[in-house]
Amino acid sequence: MWRPGRGAVFLANIDDDARRCRMRPGDLDRIDPAVDERLAACHDAADERVNGARDESDLAPLRVPPAPFGDDASGRVEVAATQRPYVRLFVGRDGALRVGR
């Protein structure tokens, strides 16, 4: 659990809930850069979409409880620049999860 002075830890969403990855028999039994490239292109984190309920259940929720700071208060979630290529933050808007920008 996150707390001041200690960041959050969460796992990569590299499973394949939508079963988009097509592997041939024996692919996962050998060391082959071509297999790695195919897997990297089709796992759940390979796009910027939440592909259904099973994909959504893999996401780490971030909830900010209300605080008595007034109507003009604002907040910000920041990811270190070196980690940004590896992290997507999804925001719930209009009943859908979209990548926050």
C-alpha atoms as a PDB file:
ATOM      1  CA  MET A   1       0.000   0.000   0.000  1.00  0.00           C
ATOM      2  CA  TRP A   2       1.231   3.467  -0.861  1.00  0.00           C
ATOM      3  CA  ARG A   3       1.938   5.965   1.891  1.00  0.00           C
ATOM      4  CA  PRO A   4       3.951   9.191   2.110  1.00  0.00           C
ATOM      5  CA  GLY A   5       7.631   8.385   1.721  1.00  0.00           C
ATOM      6  CA  ARG A   6       6.961   5.075  -0.010  1.00  0.00           C
ATOM      7  CA  GLY A   7       5.626   4.692  -3.541  1.00  0.00           C
ATOM      8  CA  ALA A   8       3.166   2.137  -4.821  1.00  0.00           C
ATOM      9  CA  VAL A   9       4.160  -1.216  -6.270  1.00  0.00           C
ATOM     10  CA  PHE A  10       2.002  -2.838  -8.937  1.00  0.00           C
ATOM     11  CA  LEU A  11       2.435  -5.611 -11.460  1.00  0.00           C
ATOM     12  CA  ALA A  12       2.599  -5.295 -15.227  1.00  0.00           C
ATOM     13  CA  ASN A  13      -0.582  -6.258 -17.099  1.00  0.00           C
ATOM     14  CA  ILE A  14       1.130  -8.626 -19.524  1.00  0.00           C
ATOM     15  CA  ASP A  15      -1.373 -11.448 -19.563  1.00  0.00           C
ATOM     16  CA  ASP A  16      -3.643 -12.048 -22.551  1.00  0.00           C
ATOM     17  CA  ASP A  17      -7.263 -11.900 -21.349  1.00  0.00           C
ATOM     18  CA  ALA A  18      -8.598 -11.346 -24.877  1.00  0.00           C
ATOM     19  CA  ARG A  19      -6.549 -14.298 -26.211  1.00  0.00           C
ATOM     20  CA  ARG A  20      -5.020 -12.202 -28.996  1.00  0.00           C
ATOM     21  CA  CYS A  21      -1.585 -13.872 -28.847  1.00  0.00           C
ATOM     22  CA  ARG A  22      -1.223 -16.751 -31.265  1.00  0.00           C
ATOM     23  CA  MET A  23       1.500 -19.202 -30.345  1.00  0.00           C
ATOM     24  CA  ARG A  24       2.570 -22.341 -32.136  1.00  0.00           C
ATOM     25  CA  PRO A  25       3.170 -25.603 -30.252  1.00  0.00           C
ATOM     26  CA  GLY A  26       6.527 -25.410 -28.492  1.00  0.00           C
ATOM     27  CA  ASP A  27       6.914 -21.617 -28.807  1.00  0.00           C
ATOM     28  CA  LEU A  28       7.130 -21.103 -25.066  1.00  0.00           C
ATOM     29  CA  ASP A  29       9.568 -23.983 -24.604  1.00  0.00           C
ATOM     30  CA  ARG A  30      12.476 -22.377 -26.448  1.00  0.00           C
ATOM     31  CA  ILE A  31      14.472 -19.178 -26.274  1.00  0.00           C
ATOM     32  CA  ASP A  32      13.567 -17.287 -29.432  1.00  0.00           C
ATOM     33  CA  PRO A  33      13.560 -13.485 -29.879  1.00  0.00           C
ATOM     34  CA  ALA A  34      10.826 -13.810 -32.528  1.00  0.00           C
ATOM     35  CA  VAL A  35       8.482 -15.405 -29.966  1.00  0.00           C
ATOM     36  CA  ASP A  36       9.297 -12.639 -27.479  1.00  0.00           C
ATOM     37  CA  GLU A  37       8.482 -10.002 -30.108  1.00  0.00           C
ATOM     38  CA  ARG A  38       5.137 -11.649 -30.955  1.00  0.00           C
ATOM     39  CA  LEU A  39       4.178 -11.831 -27.270  1.00  0.00           C
ATOM     40  CA  ALA A  40       5.228  -8.217 -26.656  1.00  0.00           C
ATOM     41  CA  ALA A  41       2.978  -7.039 -29.493  1.00  0.00           C
ATOM     42  CA  CYS A  42      -0.228  -8.719 -28.307  1.00  0.00           C
ATOM     43  CA  HIS A  43      -0.429  -8.892 -24.496  1.00  0.00           C
ATOM     44  CA  ASP A  44      -2.933  -6.704 -22.626  1.00  0.00           C
ATOM     45  CA  ALA A  45      -0.464  -3.857 -22.006  1.00  0.00           C
ATOM     46  CA  ALA A  46       0.467  -3.675 -25.709  1.00  0.00           C
ATOM     47  CA  ASP A  47      -2.325  -1.171 -26.355  1.00  0.00           C
ATOM     48  CA  GLU A  48      -3.955   1.745 -24.544  1.00  0.00           C
ATOM     49  CA  ARG A  49      -7.359   0.125 -24.102  1.00  0.00           C
ATOM     50  CA  VAL A  50      -9.094  -1.746 -21.318  1.00  0.00           C
ATOM     51  CA  ASN A  51     -10.305  -4.774 -23.261  1.00  0.00           C
ATOM     52  CA  GLY A  52     -13.209  -5.944 -21.116  1.00  0.00           C
ATOM     53  CA  ALA A  53     -13.945  -6.838 -17.501  1.00  0.00           C
ATOM     54  CA  ARG A  54     -11.108  -9.374 -17.152  1.00  0.00           C
ATOM     55  CA  ASP A  55      -8.606  -6.774 -18.334  1.00  0.00           C
ATOM     56  CA  GLU A  56     -10.086  -4.170 -15.975  1.00  0.00           C
ATOM     57  CA  SER A  57      -9.724  -6.543 -13.014  1.00  0.00           C
ATOM     58  CA  ASP A  58      -5.941  -6.590 -13.652  1.00  0.00           C
ATOM     59  CA  LEU A  59      -5.623  -2.838 -13.072  1.00  0.00           C
ATOM     60  CA  ALA A  60      -4.448  -1.447  -9.728  1.00  0.00           C
ATOM     61  CA  PRO A  61      -7.140   0.974  -8.491  1.00  0.00           C
ATOM     62  CA  LEU A  62      -6.143   4.393  -7.237  1.00  0.00           C
ATOM     63  CA  ARG A  63      -8.748   6.139  -5.151  1.00  0.00           C
ATOM     64  CA  VAL A  64      -8.315   9.553  -3.606  1.00  0.00           C
ATOM     65  CA  PRO A  65     -10.726  10.091  -0.733  1.00  0.00           C
ATOM     66  CA  PRO A  66     -12.459  13.455  -0.375  1.00  0.00           C
ATOM     67  CA  ALA A  67     -10.624  15.925   1.830  1.00  0.00           C
ATOM     68  CA  PRO A  68     -11.762  19.230   3.361  1.00  0.00           C
ATOM     69  CA  PHE A  69      -9.617  21.520   1.190  1.00  0.00           C
ATOM     70  CA  GLY A  70     -12.322  23.587  -0.472  1.00  0.00           C
ATOM     71  CA  ASP A  71     -13.814  23.832  -3.945  1.00  0.00           C
ATOM     72  CA  ASP A  72     -10.671  25.341  -5.507  1.00  0.00           C
ATOM     73  CA  ALA A  73      -8.362  22.513  -4.438  1.00  0.00           C
ATOM     74  CA  SER A  74      -6.706  20.315  -7.039  1.00  0.00           C
ATOM     75  CA  GLY A  75      -4.454  17.295  -7.057  1.00  0.00           C
ATOM     76  CA  ARG A  76      -2.031  15.553  -9.334  1.00  0.00           C
ATOM     77  CA  VAL A  77      -0.780  12.013  -9.851  1.00  0.00           C
ATOM     78  CA  GLU A  78       2.731  11.968 -11.201  1.00  0.00           C
ATOM     79  CA  VAL A  79       4.857   9.183 -12.621  1.00  0.00           C
ATOM     80  CA  ALA A  80       8.627   9.685 -12.672  1.00  0.00           C
ATOM     81  CA  ALA A  81       9.858  10.608 -16.162  1.00  0.00           C
ATOM     82  CA  THR A  82      12.040   7.497 -16.405  1.00  0.00           C
ATOM     83  CA  GLN A  83       9.006   5.270 -15.707  1.00  0.00           C
ATOM     84  CA  ARG A  84       6.416   6.997 -17.940  1.00  0.00           C
ATOM     85  CA  PRO A  85       7.110   4.792 -21.005  1.00  0.00           C
ATOM     86  CA  TYR A  86       6.123   1.774 -18.896  1.00  0.00           C
ATOM     87  CA  VAL A  87       3.033   3.094 -17.080  1.00  0.00           C
ATOM     88  CA  ARG A  88      -0.468   4.006 -18.199  1.00  0.00           C
ATOM     89  CA  LEU A  89      -2.952   5.702 -15.908  1.00  0.00           C
ATOM     90  CA  PHE A  90      -6.571   5.079 -16.857  1.00  0.00           C
ATOM     91  CA  VAL A  91      -9.255   7.556 -15.833  1.00  0.00           C
ATOM     92  CA  GLY A  92     -12.942   6.672 -15.533  1.00  0.00           C
ATOM     93  CA  ARG A  93     -14.996   9.052 -17.692  1.00  0.00           C
ATOM     94  CA  ASP A  94     -18.544   8.607 -18.977  1.00  0.00           C
ATOM     95  CA  GLY A  95     -18.616   4.961 -17.868  1.00  0.00           C
ATOM     96  CA  ALA A  96     -15.413   4.023 -19.697  1.00  0.00           C
ATOM     97  CA  LEU A  97     -11.745   3.801 -18.754  1.00  0.00           C
ATOM     98  CA  ARG A  98      -9.490   5.938 -20.944  1.00  0.00           C
ATOM     99  CA  VAL A  99      -5.800   6.692 -20.810  1.00  0.00           C
ATOM    100  CA  GLY A 100      -5.294   9.890 -18.809  1.00  0.00           C
ATOM    101  CA  ARG A 101      -3.181  12.559 -20.410  1.00  0.00           C
END
